Amino acid sequence: MSVAVVRERSGGWFAPTSRKSNKWTRKKAAPAAPRQKPTKAARNVATAQSRRGGTTLTVIVLLLRAVGWSFVLAIILALLGGISLGLIYGYRTLTSSTHFAVSHVDVNGNRQLSTVEILNLSGVGVGMNILEVSLGEMSRKLQNNPWIESVTVRRTLPDGLVINIVEREPFFWIQRGSALYYADRNGVPIVALEIGKFVSLPALIIEEGIEPNWRLMDEWVRAVERLEFPFSFSEVAWLKIEDANIVRLYLEDRGMVAHFDLSGWREHRGIMNRVWEDLTARGELQNTARLTVMSGKAWVQLRQP
């Protein structure tokens, strides 16, 4: 058995000058070097490079989009241009084609105006291209004529036109100043009498200051046209309005004056017809100079022998 040699330090283990801990201690590792942060200048350079890269990409995308839209727009414009040119070419072809040249014009409803007059007024002629004829312009020209009340014009492709006329109907002669005019059933002048277009009609005379009741007048005139009275307007030489509702007319072939109240013309129609029949039955109608029907009564004046 061996014995370890133990040295005793002067002062003992607990000497005041060199006190040591009786604990076991481990030597600490050296601290690691601090992590160096990137400098600000380097970070700015990287950021700028990143931004430049993004901007370049954006510009490229925008250019591609612009080129794409420009290409689409160019195609659209080219298509529109082609369509326009095609339409122009087609229109010129149609308007120059003899297939659409006017060969006939049908005129309907004209009595006072001849077909030749209407064609001259309309400005249309055989050989004109039907597609270049303005229907509205034709209608305006025709309606400027006082005889024409209304007109419609239409095409009948490929080479025809149809003109439908509604003329104003002359019913009376009426005096305006020193001239005689044709007038409608309401006494409105149409045109002055012309020798080449002379039509025999009753003369309408209106007393000065009198405003006729044109509504009753029109009703009575239409009743005479329907032969509801014992005479027709072809027998009337003149008609004089003496009051708003009072008319006097002269039957030239019979030499008779009829005096009539329009305010009750339906009742007076029946009275006149009965008196007329009675005079005819007695053989006195040819000797009647005047027949008056007013206020529900009738008066007869015979010619003196």
Foldseek 3Di string as FASTA:
>chain_A
DDDDDDDADPCGQPRPVDHDDPDDDDDDDDDDDDDDDDDPVVVVVVVVVVVVVVVVVVVVVVVVVVVVVVVVVVVVVVVVVVVVVVVVVVVVVLQPDQQQFADEEAEPADDQDDPVRLCVQQVDDTGHRPVPRDQVSSQVSNVVQLQFPGWGKDDDPRHYIYIYTHTADFAAWEDDDPFIFGAHLQRHGRGTDDPVRDDQHAHEAEPPPADAPSVLSVVVLVCLVVVLAVDHRVQWNYWYDPHNFWIWTARVVLQAIEIEGSVPVVLQSVVRVVVCVVCVVVVQSSQWHYWYGPPNDIDTDGHDD
